[in-house]
Amino acid sequence: MQYVADHPPPRCTDAAPTAQIGGVPASIPTPNGPDMYALLVILQTVVLPLLFGGVHLGVAGGNPALVFGIWFAFWGVGSRLIVAGISQLTNPLRTTQTILGAAGEEHDEPEEHAVGAGPQTLTETGPATGTATAQVVQELGLANLSLGAVALVSSLVPGWGLIGALPGAIYLGLAGIRHLAKRDKSSNELVATWTDLLVFVIVVGGVVAAALRGW
């Protein structure tokens, strides 16, 4: 679509804002309504690991650091990264909007490219920026799927222990540290940040306990 740069088309303030990724427009989620992302993350990284770890200790006993390390590896690393990877592959826009809060920001709008020269320069808006963002998010989803699958399997296979979940836990820990420095985080990003760090600490604690025991 082309228009005269000196006279850009007026924006409608009554309509709900939209964003583009991969050239496909998508409505920006409204802040109202249930926040399913935060609920799912808390379930995977706090509720389920504590529940399964507590039942495990009550039924079979064991070293608490190892037991909770295994279940945090299963749920907090394996399950969480697999679900995140699937979400990023199927709906990359959700990551940029819901988690990072990037929807509606001016720097996320498609770039305008000059078509002509002079006072009547024409510009066109294309989906290149959104397509590139979608590709990056989807490739991140593949990495999450890989790390999550290894963590999920290794936490259940005898002899593998927690070592297979360690790369995913380190990844979550580094991501959490990176997000700590960011100001004005959304509620979803706050949940992601602190649960990343929680899972990292507990899984690493389990690995240390296993090493002290002699694996």
C-alpha atoms as a PDB file:
ATOM      1  CA  MET A   1       0.000   0.000   0.000  1.00  0.00           C
ATOM      2  CA  GLN A   2       1.409   3.409  -0.952  1.00  0.00           C
ATOM      3  CA  TYR A   3       0.645   6.853   0.309  1.00  0.00           C
ATOM      4  CA  VAL A   4       2.154  10.331   0.337  1.00  0.00           C
ATOM      5  CA  ALA A   5       4.598  10.604   3.213  1.00  0.00           C
ATOM      6  CA  ASP A   6       3.664  14.235   3.941  1.00  0.00           C
ATOM      7  CA  HIS A   7       0.046  13.235   4.428  1.00  0.00           C
ATOM      8  CA  PRO A   8      -0.110   9.877   6.188  1.00  0.00           C
ATOM      9  CA  PRO A   9      -3.525   8.274   6.549  1.00  0.00           C
ATOM     10  CA  PRO A  10      -5.261   9.025   9.852  1.00  0.00           C
ATOM     11  CA  ARG A  11      -5.294   6.334  12.494  1.00  0.00           C
ATOM     12  CA  CYS A  12      -8.560   5.138  13.941  1.00  0.00           C
ATOM     13  CA  THR A  13      -8.421   5.384  17.735  1.00  0.00           C
ATOM     14  CA  ASP A  14     -11.674   3.526  18.337  1.00  0.00           C
ATOM     15  CA  ALA A  15     -10.676   0.258  16.707  1.00  0.00           C
ATOM     16  CA  ALA A  16      -8.759  -2.365  18.621  1.00  0.00           C
ATOM     17  CA  PRO A  17      -5.027  -2.221  17.788  1.00  0.00           C
ATOM     18  CA  THR A  18      -3.568  -4.979  15.693  1.00  0.00           C
ATOM     19  CA  ALA A  19      -0.072  -6.264  15.132  1.00  0.00           C
ATOM     20  CA  GLN A  20       1.483  -8.214  12.310  1.00  0.00           C
ATOM     21  CA  ILE A  21       3.836 -11.142  12.427  1.00  0.00           C
ATOM     22  CA  GLY A  22       4.680 -13.134   9.362  1.00  0.00           C
ATOM     23  CA  GLY A  23       2.355 -10.836   7.430  1.00  0.00           C
ATOM     24  CA  VAL A  24      -0.720 -12.059   9.301  1.00  0.00           C
ATOM     25  CA  PRO A  25      -2.589  -9.478  11.404  1.00  0.00           C
ATOM     26  CA  ALA A  26      -3.544 -10.516  14.903  1.00  0.00           C
ATOM     27  CA  SER A  27      -5.553  -8.750  17.556  1.00  0.00           C
ATOM     28  CA  ILE A  28      -3.597  -7.638  20.588  1.00  0.00           C
ATOM     29  CA  PRO A  29      -4.806  -9.458  23.708  1.00  0.00           C
ATOM     30  CA  THR A  30      -6.733  -7.262  26.077  1.00  0.00           C
ATOM     31  CA  PRO A  31      -5.387  -6.915  29.623  1.00  0.00           C
ATOM     32  CA  ASN A  32      -8.707  -8.076  31.029  1.00  0.00           C
ATOM     33  CA  GLY A  33      -9.651 -11.707  31.469  1.00  0.00           C
ATOM     34  CA  PRO A  34      -7.814 -14.645  32.988  1.00  0.00           C
ATOM     35  CA  ASP A  35      -4.049 -14.665  32.612  1.00  0.00           C
ATOM     36  CA  MET A  36      -3.586 -18.259  31.516  1.00  0.00           C
ATOM     37  CA  TYR A  37       0.130 -17.877  30.815  1.00  0.00           C
ATOM     38  CA  ALA A  38       1.028 -16.982  34.412  1.00  0.00           C
ATOM     39  CA  LEU A  39      -1.259 -19.686  35.802  1.00  0.00           C
ATOM     40  CA  LEU A  40       0.290 -22.348  33.567  1.00  0.00           C
ATOM     41  CA  VAL A  41       3.854 -21.327  34.436  1.00  0.00           C
ATOM     42  CA  ILE A  42       3.154 -21.326  38.186  1.00  0.00           C
ATOM     43  CA  LEU A  43       1.477 -24.721  37.855  1.00  0.00           C
ATOM     44  CA  GLN A  44       4.470 -26.196  36.007  1.00  0.00           C
ATOM     45  CA  THR A  45       7.232 -24.628  38.078  1.00  0.00           C
ATOM     46  CA  VAL A  46       5.794 -24.503  41.600  1.00  0.00           C
ATOM     47  CA  VAL A  47       2.590 -26.457  42.204  1.00  0.00           C
ATOM     48  CA  LEU A  48       3.205 -29.715  40.312  1.00  0.00           C
ATOM     49  CA  PRO A  49       6.886 -30.161  41.279  1.00  0.00           C
ATOM     50  CA  LEU A  50       6.100 -29.590  44.962  1.00  0.00           C
ATOM     51  CA  LEU A  51       3.077 -31.897  44.802  1.00  0.00           C
ATOM     52  CA  PHE A  52       4.864 -34.760  43.045  1.00  0.00           C
ATOM     53  CA  GLY A  53       8.011 -34.311  45.124  1.00  0.00           C
ATOM     54  CA  GLY A  54       6.036 -34.348  48.362  1.00  0.00           C
ATOM     55  CA  VAL A  55       4.156 -37.500  47.372  1.00  0.00           C
ATOM     56  CA  HIS A  56       7.423 -39.144  46.297  1.00  0.00           C
ATOM     57  CA  LEU A  57       9.069 -38.395  49.641  1.00  0.00           C
ATOM     58  CA  GLY A  58       6.006 -39.542  51.563  1.00  0.00           C
ATOM     59  CA  VAL A  59       5.750 -42.858  49.708  1.00  0.00           C
ATOM     60  CA  ALA A  60       9.342 -43.826  48.888  1.00  0.00           C
ATOM     61  CA  GLY A  61      11.487 -41.446  50.926  1.00  0.00           C
ATOM     62  CA  GLY A  62      14.884 -40.324  49.695  1.00  0.00           C
ATOM     63  CA  ASN A  63      17.128 -37.289  49.664  1.00  0.00           C
ATOM     64  CA  PRO A  64      14.854 -34.214  49.452  1.00  0.00           C
ATOM     65  CA  ALA A  65      17.351 -32.317  47.280  1.00  0.00           C
ATOM     66  CA  LEU A  66      17.473 -35.176  44.783  1.00  0.00           C
ATOM     67  CA  VAL A  67      13.741 -35.875  44.823  1.00  0.00           C
ATOM     68  CA  PHE A  68      12.679 -32.272  44.336  1.00  0.00           C
ATOM     69  CA  GLY A  69      15.498 -31.750  41.844  1.00  0.00           C
ATOM     70  CA  ILE A  70      14.137 -34.587  39.716  1.00  0.00           C
ATOM     71  CA  TRP A  71      10.549 -33.350  39.785  1.00  0.00           C
ATOM     72  CA  PHE A  72      11.544 -29.741  39.128  1.00  0.00           C
ATOM     73  CA  ALA A  73      13.612 -31.059  36.216  1.00  0.00           C
ATOM     74  CA  PHE A  74      10.605 -32.996  34.905  1.00  0.00           C
ATOM     75  CA  TRP A  75       8.006 -30.251  35.286  1.00  0.00           C
ATOM     76  CA  GLY A  76       9.961 -26.996  35.532  1.00  0.00           C
ATOM     77  CA  VAL A  77      12.470 -27.721  32.767  1.00  0.00           C
ATOM     78  CA  GLY A  78      11.073 -30.558  30.644  1.00  0.00           C
ATOM     79  CA  SER A  79       7.351 -29.874  30.622  1.00  0.00           C
ATOM     80  CA  ARG A  80       7.704 -26.115  30.654  1.00  0.00           C
ATOM     81  CA  LEU A  81      10.166 -25.875  27.776  1.00  0.00           C
ATOM     82  CA  ILE A  82       8.193 -28.333  25.652  1.00  0.00           C
ATOM     83  CA  VAL A  83       4.965 -26.369  26.137  1.00  0.00           C
ATOM     84  CA  ALA A  84       6.814 -23.100  25.472  1.00  0.00           C
ATOM     85  CA  GLY A  85       8.382 -24.547  22.326  1.00  0.00           C
ATOM     86  CA  ILE A  86       5.056 -25.734  20.946  1.00  0.00           C
ATOM     87  CA  SER A  87       3.493 -22.342  21.680  1.00  0.00           C
ATOM     88  CA  GLN A  88       6.349 -20.475  19.978  1.00  0.00           C
ATOM     89  CA  LEU A  89       6.156 -22.684  16.902  1.00  0.00           C
ATOM     90  CA  THR A  90       2.393 -22.481  16.488  1.00  0.00           C
ATOM     91  CA  ASN A  91       1.797 -18.884  17.615  1.00  0.00           C
ATOM     92  CA  PRO A  92       5.024 -16.834  17.767  1.00  0.00           C
ATOM     93  CA  LEU A  93       3.047 -13.619  18.238  1.00  0.00           C
ATOM     94  CA  ARG A  94       1.993 -14.817  21.703  1.00  0.00           C
ATOM     95  CA  THR A  95       5.595 -14.699  22.922  1.00  0.00           C
ATOM     96  CA  THR A  96       6.199 -11.109  21.830  1.00  0.00           C
ATOM     97  CA  GLN A  97       2.814  -9.845  23.019  1.00  0.00           C
ATOM     98  CA  THR A  98       1.802 -11.839  26.084  1.00  0.00           C
ATOM     99  CA  ILE A  99       5.181 -12.489  27.691  1.00  0.00           C
ATOM    100  CA  LEU A 100       7.410  -9.622  26.593  1.00  0.00           C
ATOM    101  CA  GLY A 101       4.631  -7.038  26.327  1.00  0.00           C
ATOM    102  CA  ALA A 102       5.918  -5.806  22.970  1.00  0.00           C
ATOM    103  CA  ALA A 103       2.505  -5.469  21.306  1.00  0.00           C
ATOM    104  CA  GLY A 104       1.491  -1.975  20.343  1.00  0.00           C
ATOM    105  CA  GLU A 105       4.937  -0.469  20.837  1.00  0.00           C
ATOM    106  CA  GLU A 106       6.102   1.799  18.089  1.00  0.00           C
ATOM    107  CA  HIS A 107       9.306  -0.126  17.452  1.00  0.00           C
ATOM    108  CA  ASP A 108       7.300  -3.255  16.735  1.00  0.00           C
ATOM    109  CA  GLU A 109       5.353  -1.676  13.905  1.00  0.00           C
ATOM    110  CA  PRO A 110       6.468  -2.640  10.385  1.00  0.00           C
ATOM    111  CA  GLU A 111       9.151  -0.350   9.001  1.00  0.00           C
ATOM    112  CA  GLU A 112       8.371   2.152   6.262  1.00  0.00           C
ATOM    113  CA  HIS A 113      10.598   2.066   3.183  1.00  0.00           C
ATOM    114  CA  ALA A 114      10.983   5.026   0.844  1.00  0.00           C
ATOM    115  CA  VAL A 115       9.696   4.573  -2.699  1.00  0.00           C
ATOM    116  CA  GLY A 116      10.450   7.927  -4.270  1.00  0.00           C
ATOM    117  CA  ALA A 117      12.363  11.124  -3.571  1.00  0.00           C
ATOM    118  CA  GLY A 118      11.524  14.742  -3.010  1.00  0.00           C
ATOM    119  CA  PRO A 119       8.707  16.397  -1.064  1.00  0.00           C
ATOM    120  CA  GLN A 120       6.155  13.923  -2.413  1.00  0.00           C
ATOM    121  CA  THR A 121       8.121  10.824  -1.359  1.00  0.00           C
ATOM    122  CA  LEU A 122       6.000   7.699  -1.212  1.00  0.00           C
ATOM    123  CA  THR A 123       6.515   5.001   1.394  1.00  0.00           C
ATOM    124  CA  GLU A 124       5.272   1.447   1.695  1.00  0.00           C
ATOM    125  CA  THR A 125       4.762  -0.752   4.710  1.00  0.00           C
ATOM    126  CA  GLY A 126       5.703  -4.411   4.391  1.00  0.00           C
ATOM    127  CA  PRO A 127       5.591  -7.489   6.602  1.00  0.00           C
ATOM    128  CA  ALA A 128       9.376  -8.019   6.573  1.00  0.00           C
ATOM    129  CA  THR A 129       9.868  -7.056  10.225  1.00  0.00           C
ATOM    130  CA  GLY A 130       7.039  -9.272  11.434  1.00  0.00           C
ATOM    131  CA  THR A 131       8.246 -12.208   9.346  1.00  0.00           C
ATOM    132  CA  ALA A 132      11.765 -11.945  10.764  1.00  0.00           C
ATOM    133  CA  THR A 133      10.419 -11.765  14.308  1.00  0.00           C
ATOM    134  CA  ALA A 134       8.262 -14.836  13.723  1.00  0.00           C
ATOM    135  CA  GLN A 135      11.245 -16.788  12.394  1.00  0.00           C
ATOM    136  CA  VAL A 136      13.412 -15.920  15.404  1.00  0.00           C
ATOM    137  CA  VAL A 137      10.665 -16.884  17.863  1.00  0.00           C
ATOM    138  CA  GLN A 138       9.996 -20.160  16.045  1.00  0.00           C
ATOM    139  CA  GLU A 139      13.685 -21.083  16.066  1.00  0.00           C
ATOM    140  CA  LEU A 140      13.711 -20.329  19.796  1.00  0.00           C
ATOM    141  CA  GLY A 141      10.776 -22.726  20.036  1.00  0.00           C
ATOM    142  CA  LEU A 142      12.844 -25.488  18.410  1.00  0.00           C
ATOM    143  CA  ALA A 143      15.614 -24.920  20.965  1.00  0.00           C
ATOM    144  CA  ASN A 144      13.087 -25.059  23.804  1.00  0.00           C
ATOM    145  CA  LEU A 145      11.610 -28.287  22.439  1.00  0.00           C
ATOM    146  CA  SER A 146      15.050 -29.897  22.246  1.00  0.00           C
ATOM    147  CA  LEU A 147      16.122 -28.889  25.753  1.00  0.00           C
ATOM    148  CA  GLY A 148      12.738 -29.809  27.195  1.00  0.00           C
ATOM    149  CA  ALA A 149      12.637 -33.255  25.601  1.00  0.00           C
ATOM    150  CA  VAL A 150      16.095 -34.169  26.917  1.00  0.00           C
ATOM    151  CA  ALA A 151      15.230 -32.913  30.411  1.00  0.00           C
ATOM    152  CA  LEU A 152      11.926 -34.785  30.444  1.00  0.00           C
ATOM    153  CA  VAL A 153      13.463 -38.103  29.416  1.00  0.00           C
ATOM    154  CA  SER A 154      16.604 -37.863  31.529  1.00  0.00           C
ATOM    155  CA  SER A 155      14.671 -37.197  34.723  1.00  0.00           C
ATOM    156  CA  LEU A 156      12.818 -40.516  34.291  1.00  0.00           C
ATOM    157  CA  VAL A 157      15.590 -42.808  33.005  1.00  0.00           C
ATOM    158  CA  PRO A 158      17.562 -44.589  35.762  1.00  0.00           C
ATOM    159  CA  GLY A 159      21.228 -43.707  35.624  1.00  0.00           C
ATOM    160  CA  TRP A 160      20.736 -40.483  33.730  1.00  0.00           C
ATOM    161  CA  GLY A 161      19.783 -38.550  36.836  1.00  0.00           C
ATOM    162  CA  LEU A 162      19.536 -34.781  36.593  1.00  0.00           C
ATOM    163  CA  ILE A 163      22.478 -34.227  34.290  1.00  0.00           C
ATOM    164  CA  GLY A 164      20.282 -34.185  31.180  1.00  0.00           C
ATOM    165  CA  ALA A 165      18.147 -31.397  32.642  1.00  0.00           C
ATOM    166  CA  LEU A 166      21.149 -29.249  33.557  1.00  0.00           C
ATOM    167  CA  PRO A 167      21.510 -27.468  30.159  1.00  0.00           C
ATOM    168  CA  GLY A 168      17.833 -26.474  30.221  1.00  0.00           C
ATOM    169  CA  ALA A 169      18.095 -25.331  33.845  1.00  0.00           C
ATOM    170  CA  ILE A 170      21.165 -23.227  33.045  1.00  0.00           C
ATOM    171  CA  TYR A 171      19.313 -21.726  30.083  1.00  0.00           C
ATOM    172  CA  LEU A 172      16.379 -20.781  32.322  1.00  0.00           C
ATOM    173  CA  GLY A 173      18.731 -19.347  34.937  1.00  0.00           C
ATOM    174  CA  LEU A 174      20.564 -17.177  32.424  1.00  0.00           C
ATOM    175  CA  ALA A 175      17.253 -16.007  30.952  1.00  0.00           C
ATOM    176  CA  GLY A 176      16.018 -15.111  34.438  1.00  0.00           C
ATOM    177  CA  ILE A 177      19.187 -13.146  35.201  1.00  0.00           C
ATOM    178  CA  ARG A 178      18.852 -11.331  31.884  1.00  0.00           C
ATOM    179  CA  HIS A 179      15.266 -10.340  32.664  1.00  0.00           C
ATOM    180  CA  LEU A 180      16.208  -9.093  36.146  1.00  0.00           C
ATOM    181  CA  ALA A 181      17.971  -6.111  34.596  1.00  0.00           C
ATOM    182  CA  LYS A 182      14.932  -5.084  32.556  1.00  0.00           C
ATOM    183  CA  ARG A 183      12.773  -2.335  34.005  1.00  0.00           C
ATOM    184  CA  ASP A 184       9.001  -2.017  33.794  1.00  0.00           C
ATOM    185  CA  LYS A 185       8.448  -5.742  33.348  1.00  0.00           C
ATOM    186  CA  SER A 186       4.908  -6.945  32.736  1.00  0.00           C
ATOM    187  CA  SER A 187       3.282  -9.278  35.247  1.00  0.00           C
ATOM    188  CA  ASN A 188       3.834 -12.209  32.879  1.00  0.00           C
ATOM    189  CA  GLU A 189       7.506 -11.368  32.547  1.00  0.00           C
ATOM    190  CA  LEU A 190       7.865 -11.094  36.325  1.00  0.00           C
ATOM    191  CA  VAL A 191       6.359 -14.565  36.732  1.00  0.00           C
ATOM    192  CA  ALA A 192       8.672 -15.954  34.046  1.00  0.00           C
ATOM    193  CA  THR A 193      11.735 -14.296  35.586  1.00  0.00           C
ATOM    194  CA  TRP A 194      11.315 -15.557  39.135  1.00  0.00           C
ATOM    195  CA  THR A 195      10.153 -19.044  38.183  1.00  0.00           C
ATOM    196  CA  ASP A 196      13.138 -19.363  35.826  1.00  0.00           C
ATOM    197  CA  LEU A 197      15.458 -18.599  38.731  1.00  0.00           C
ATOM    198  CA  LEU A 198      13.569 -20.906  41.106  1.00  0.00           C
ATOM    199  CA  VAL A 199      13.819 -23.884  38.752  1.00  0.00           C
ATOM    200  CA  PHE A 200      17.489 -23.171  38.099  1.00  0.00           C
ATOM    201  CA  VAL A 201      18.385 -23.089  41.801  1.00  0.00           C
ATOM    202  CA  ILE A 202      16.499 -26.285  42.688  1.00  0.00           C
ATOM    203  CA  VAL A 203      17.734 -28.331  39.719  1.00  0.00           C
ATOM    204  CA  VAL A 204      21.331 -27.225  40.267  1.00  0.00           C
ATOM    205  CA  GLY A 205      20.906 -28.064  43.954  1.00  0.00           C
ATOM    206  CA  GLY A 206      19.769 -31.541  42.949  1.00  0.00           C
ATOM    207  CA  VAL A 207      22.781 -31.969  40.666  1.00  0.00           C
ATOM    208  CA  VAL A 208      25.125 -30.915  43.483  1.00  0.00           C
ATOM    209  CA  ALA A 209      23.435 -33.366  45.879  1.00  0.00           C
ATOM    210  CA  ALA A 210      23.807 -36.164  43.317  1.00  0.00           C
ATOM    211  CA  ALA A 211      27.477 -35.320  42.797  1.00  0.00           C
ATOM    212  CA  LEU A 212      28.156 -35.351  46.545  1.00  0.00           C
ATOM    213  CA  ARG A 213      26.464 -38.734  46.783  1.00  0.00           C
ATOM    214  CA  GLY A 214      28.657 -40.047  44.002  1.00  0.00           C
ATOM    215  CA  TRP A 215      25.921 -40.079  41.339  1.00  0.00           C
END
